[in-house]
């Protein structure tokens, strides 16, 4: 199992790239799911 300090050092070397990538993914999914759910309700069932 890798050492925790080594993992933290590797994360700091990468900067905010991974955090920004995670934020973008969560934003897209967070906007997409309610949109899909709302549009599902307006779908014509006949």
PDB file of N, CA and C in Angstrom:
ATOM      1  N   UNK A   1       0.851  -1.180   0.000  1.00  0.00           N
ATOM      2  CA  UNK A   1       0.000   0.000   0.000  1.00  0.00           C
ATOM      3  C   UNK A   1       0.899   1.246   0.000  1.00  0.00           C
ATOM      4  N   UNK A   2       0.611   2.207  -0.869  1.00  0.00           N
ATOM      5  CA  UNK A   2       1.467   3.395  -0.958  1.00  0.00           C
ATOM      6  C   UNK A   2       1.381   4.235   0.317  1.00  0.00           C
ATOM      7  N   UNK A   3       2.465   4.923   0.574  1.00  0.00           N
ATOM      8  CA  UNK A   3       2.525   5.802   1.735  1.00  0.00           C
ATOM      9  C   UNK A   3       1.645   7.028   1.505  1.00  0.00           C
ATOM     10  N   UNK A   4       0.944   7.460   2.545  1.00  0.00           N
ATOM     11  CA  UNK A   4       0.018   8.592   2.425  1.00  0.00           C
ATOM     12  C   UNK A   4       0.752   9.877   2.071  1.00  0.00           C
ATOM     13  N   UNK A   5       1.926  10.082   2.645  1.00  0.00           N
ATOM     14  CA  UNK A   5       2.666  11.306   2.334  1.00  0.00           C
ATOM     15  C   UNK A   5       3.119  11.336   0.881  1.00  0.00           C
ATOM     16  N   UNK A   6       3.435  10.159   0.322  1.00  0.00           N
ATOM     17  CA  UNK A   6       3.819  10.103  -1.087  1.00  0.00           C
ATOM     18  C   UNK A   6       2.628  10.441  -1.982  1.00  0.00           C
ATOM     19  N   UNK A   7       1.449   9.963  -1.602  1.00  0.00           N
ATOM     20  CA  UNK A   7       0.245  10.281  -2.379  1.00  0.00           C
ATOM     21  C   UNK A   7      -0.075  11.771  -2.323  1.00  0.00           C
ATOM     22  N   UNK A   8       0.065  12.356  -1.140  1.00  0.00           N
ATOM     23  CA  UNK A   8      -0.195  13.795  -1.010  1.00  0.00           C
ATOM     24  C   UNK A   8       0.807  14.622  -1.798  1.00  0.00           C
ATOM     25  N   UNK A   9       2.063  14.199  -1.799  1.00  0.00           N
ATOM     26  CA  UNK A   9       3.080  14.920  -2.555  1.00  0.00           C
ATOM     27  C   UNK A   9       2.805  14.827  -4.050  1.00  0.00           C
ATOM     28  N   UNK A  10       2.378  13.668  -4.515  1.00  0.00           N
ATOM     29  CA  UNK A  10       2.059  13.502  -5.934  1.00  0.00           C
ATOM     30  C   UNK A  10       0.846  14.341  -6.309  1.00  0.00           C
ATOM     31  N   UNK A  11      -0.126  14.434  -5.411  1.00  0.00           N
ATOM     32  CA  UNK A  11      -1.326  15.230  -5.692  1.00  0.00           C
ATOM     33  C   UNK A  11      -0.986  16.712  -5.770  1.00  0.00           C
ATOM     34  N   UNK A  12      -0.068  17.168  -4.914  1.00  0.00           N
ATOM     35  CA  UNK A  12       0.299  18.579  -4.939  1.00  0.00           C
ATOM     36  C   UNK A  12       1.096  18.934  -6.184  1.00  0.00           C
ATOM     37  N   UNK A  13       1.822  17.987  -6.721  1.00  0.00           N
ATOM     38  CA  UNK A  13       2.585  18.253  -7.950  1.00  0.00           C
ATOM     39  C   UNK A  13       1.660  18.485  -9.138  1.00  0.00           C
ATOM     40  N   UNK A  14       0.513  17.838  -9.138  1.00  0.00           N
ATOM     41  CA  UNK A  14      -0.412  17.965 -10.258  1.00  0.00           C
ATOM     42  C   UNK A  14      -1.215  19.261 -10.200  1.00  0.00           C
ATOM     43  N   UNK A  15      -1.240  19.900  -9.066  1.00  0.00           N
ATOM     44  CA  UNK A  15      -1.962  21.163  -8.943  1.00  0.00           C
ATOM     45  C   UNK A  15      -3.455  20.960  -8.877  1.00  0.00           C
ATOM     46  N   UNK A  16      -4.196  21.882  -9.490  1.00  0.00           N
ATOM     47  CA  UNK A  16      -5.648  21.850  -9.404  1.00  0.00           C
ATOM     48  C   UNK A  16      -6.289  21.102 -10.571  1.00  0.00           C
ATOM     49  N   UNK A  17      -5.483  20.453 -11.398  1.00  0.00           N
ATOM     50  CA  UNK A  17      -6.022  19.790 -12.586  1.00  0.00           C
ATOM     51  C   UNK A  17      -7.066  18.744 -12.280  1.00  0.00           C
ATOM     52  N   UNK A  18      -6.765  17.871 -11.323  1.00  0.00           N
ATOM     53  CA  UNK A  18      -7.716  16.811 -11.000  1.00  0.00           C
ATOM     54  C   UNK A  18      -8.954  17.359 -10.316  1.00  0.00           C
ATOM     55  N   UNK A  19      -8.783  18.344  -9.447  1.00  0.00           N
ATOM     56  CA  UNK A  19      -9.937  18.935  -8.769  1.00  0.00           C
ATOM     57  C   UNK A  19     -10.841  19.639  -9.776  1.00  0.00           C
ATOM     58  N   UNK A  20     -10.233  20.341 -10.727  1.00  0.00           N
ATOM     59  CA  UNK A  20     -11.022  21.031 -11.749  1.00  0.00           C
ATOM     60  C   UNK A  20     -11.743  20.033 -12.647  1.00  0.00           C
ATOM     61  N   UNK A  21     -11.057  18.959 -12.993  1.00  0.00           N
ATOM     62  CA  UNK A  21     -11.677  17.916 -13.816  1.00  0.00           C
ATOM     63  C   UNK A  21     -12.861  17.289 -13.078  1.00  0.00           C
ATOM     64  N   UNK A  22     -12.705  17.019 -11.800  1.00  0.00           N
ATOM     65  CA  UNK A  22     -13.797  16.445 -11.007  1.00  0.00           C
ATOM     66  C   UNK A  22     -14.959  17.431 -10.909  1.00  0.00           C
ATOM     67  N   UNK A  23     -14.655  18.701 -10.737  1.00  0.00           N
ATOM     68  CA  UNK A  23     -15.699  19.717 -10.656  1.00  0.00           C
ATOM     69  C   UNK A  23     -16.499  19.793 -11.955  1.00  0.00           C
ATOM     70  N   UNK A  24     -15.816  19.723 -13.083  1.00  0.00           N
ATOM     71  CA  UNK A  24     -16.500  19.781 -14.379  1.00  0.00           C
ATOM     72  C   UNK A  24     -17.385  18.557 -14.574  1.00  0.00           C
ATOM     73  N   UNK A  25     -16.862  17.380 -14.232  1.00  0.00           N
ATOM     74  CA  UNK A  25     -17.649  16.145 -14.385  1.00  0.00           C
ATOM     75  C   UNK A  25     -18.886  16.190 -13.500  1.00  0.00           C
ATOM     76  N   UNK A  26     -18.722  16.601 -12.254  1.00  0.00           N
ATOM     77  CA  UNK A  26     -19.862  16.669 -11.335  1.00  0.00           C
ATOM     78  C   UNK A  26     -20.870  17.706 -11.814  1.00  0.00           C
ATOM     79  N   UNK A  27     -20.405  18.823 -12.366  1.00  0.00           N
ATOM     80  CA  UNK A  27     -21.318  19.846 -12.873  1.00  0.00           C
ATOM     81  C   UNK A  27     -22.128  19.346 -14.061  1.00  0.00           C
ATOM     82  N   UNK A  28     -21.459  18.662 -14.981  1.00  0.00           N
ATOM     83  CA  UNK A  28     -22.158  18.151 -16.167  1.00  0.00           C
ATOM     84  C   UNK A  28     -23.185  17.094 -15.774  1.00  0.00           C
ATOM     85  N   UNK A  29     -22.785  16.169 -14.920  1.00  0.00           N
ATOM     86  CA  UNK A  29     -23.713  15.126 -14.480  1.00  0.00           C
ATOM     87  C   UNK A  29     -24.825  15.740 -13.646  1.00  0.00           C
ATOM     88  N   UNK A  30     -24.477  16.697 -12.789  1.00  0.00           N
ATOM     89  CA  UNK A  30     -25.480  17.344 -11.950  1.00  0.00           C
ATOM     90  C   UNK A  30     -26.490  18.151 -12.746  1.00  0.00           C
ATOM     91  N   UNK A  31     -26.084  18.682 -13.875  1.00  0.00           N
ATOM     92  CA  UNK A  31     -27.028  19.408 -14.732  1.00  0.00           C
ATOM     93  C   UNK A  31     -27.773  18.454 -15.661  1.00  0.00           C
ATOM     94  N   UNK A  32     -27.123  17.386 -16.061  1.00  0.00           N
ATOM     95  CA  UNK A  32     -27.732  16.448 -17.008  1.00  0.00           C
ATOM     96  C   UNK A  32     -28.839  15.604 -16.407  1.00  0.00           C
ATOM     97  N   UNK A  33     -28.652  15.139 -15.197  1.00  0.00           N
ATOM     98  CA  UNK A  33     -29.674  14.280 -14.589  1.00  0.00           C
ATOM     99  C   UNK A  33     -31.006  14.995 -14.365  1.00  0.00           C
ATOM    100  N   UNK A  34     -31.031  16.190 -13.767  1.00  0.00           N
ATOM    101  CA  UNK A  34     -32.332  16.875 -13.630  1.00  0.00           C
ATOM    102  C   UNK A  34     -32.945  17.237 -14.978  1.00  0.00           C
ATOM    103  N   UNK A  35     -32.111  17.596 -15.941  1.00  0.00           N
ATOM    104  CA  UNK A  35     -32.628  17.912 -17.279  1.00  0.00           C
ATOM    105  C   UNK A  35     -33.306  16.696 -17.883  1.00  0.00           C
ATOM    106  N   UNK A  36     -32.626  15.546 -17.798  1.00  0.00           N
ATOM    107  CA  UNK A  36     -33.201  14.301 -18.319  1.00  0.00           C
ATOM    108  C   UNK A  36     -34.499  13.971 -17.598  1.00  0.00           C
ATOM    109  N   UNK A  37     -34.509  14.127 -16.276  1.00  0.00           N
ATOM    110  CA  UNK A  37     -35.695  13.807 -15.486  1.00  0.00           C
ATOM    111  C   UNK A  37     -36.865  14.710 -15.855  1.00  0.00           C
ATOM    112  N   UNK A  38     -36.598  16.021 -16.017  1.00  0.00           N
ATOM    113  CA  UNK A  38     -37.671  16.947 -16.376  1.00  0.00           C
ATOM    114  C   UNK A  38     -38.177  16.695 -17.786  1.00  0.00           C
ATOM    115  N   UNK A  39     -37.267  16.469 -18.721  1.00  0.00           N
ATOM    116  CA  UNK A  39     -37.693  16.217 -20.096  1.00  0.00           C
ATOM    117  C   UNK A  39     -38.457  14.905 -20.221  1.00  0.00           C
ATOM    118  N   UNK A  40     -38.150  13.948 -19.374  1.00  0.00           N
ATOM    119  CA  UNK A  40     -38.886  12.694 -19.355  1.00  0.00           C
ATOM    120  C   UNK A  40     -40.349  12.944 -19.035  1.00  0.00           C
ATOM    121  N   UNK A  41     -40.614  13.878 -18.133  1.00  0.00           N
ATOM    122  CA  UNK A  41     -41.987  14.163 -17.721  1.00  0.00           C
ATOM    123  C   UNK A  41     -42.786  14.846 -18.823  1.00  0.00           C
ATOM    124  N   UNK A  42     -42.107  15.552 -19.732  1.00  0.00           N
ATOM    125  CA  UNK A  42     -42.816  16.248 -20.813  1.00  0.00           C
ATOM    126  C   UNK A  42     -42.936  15.403 -22.073  1.00  0.00           C
ATOM    127  N   UNK A  43     -42.417  14.184 -22.021  1.00  0.00           N
ATOM    128  CA  UNK A  43     -42.470  13.325 -23.202  1.00  0.00           C
ATOM    129  C   UNK A  43     -43.923  12.945 -23.507  1.00  0.00           C
ATOM    130  N   UNK A  44     -44.258  12.880 -24.764  1.00  0.00           N
ATOM    131  CA  UNK A  44     -45.606  12.518 -25.192  1.00  0.00           C
ATOM    132  C   UNK A  44     -45.777  11.007 -25.055  1.00  0.00           C
ATOM    133  N   UNK A  45     -46.725  10.581 -24.246  1.00  0.00           N
ATOM    134  CA  UNK A  45     -46.924   9.145 -24.007  1.00  0.00           C
ATOM    135  C   UNK A  45     -47.889   8.523 -25.000  1.00  0.00           C
ATOM    136  N   UNK A  46     -48.401   9.270 -25.935  1.00  0.00           N
ATOM    137  CA  UNK A  46     -49.386   8.710 -26.844  1.00  0.00           C
ATOM    138  C   UNK A  46     -48.850   8.660 -28.187  1.00  0.00           C
TER     139      UNK A  46
END
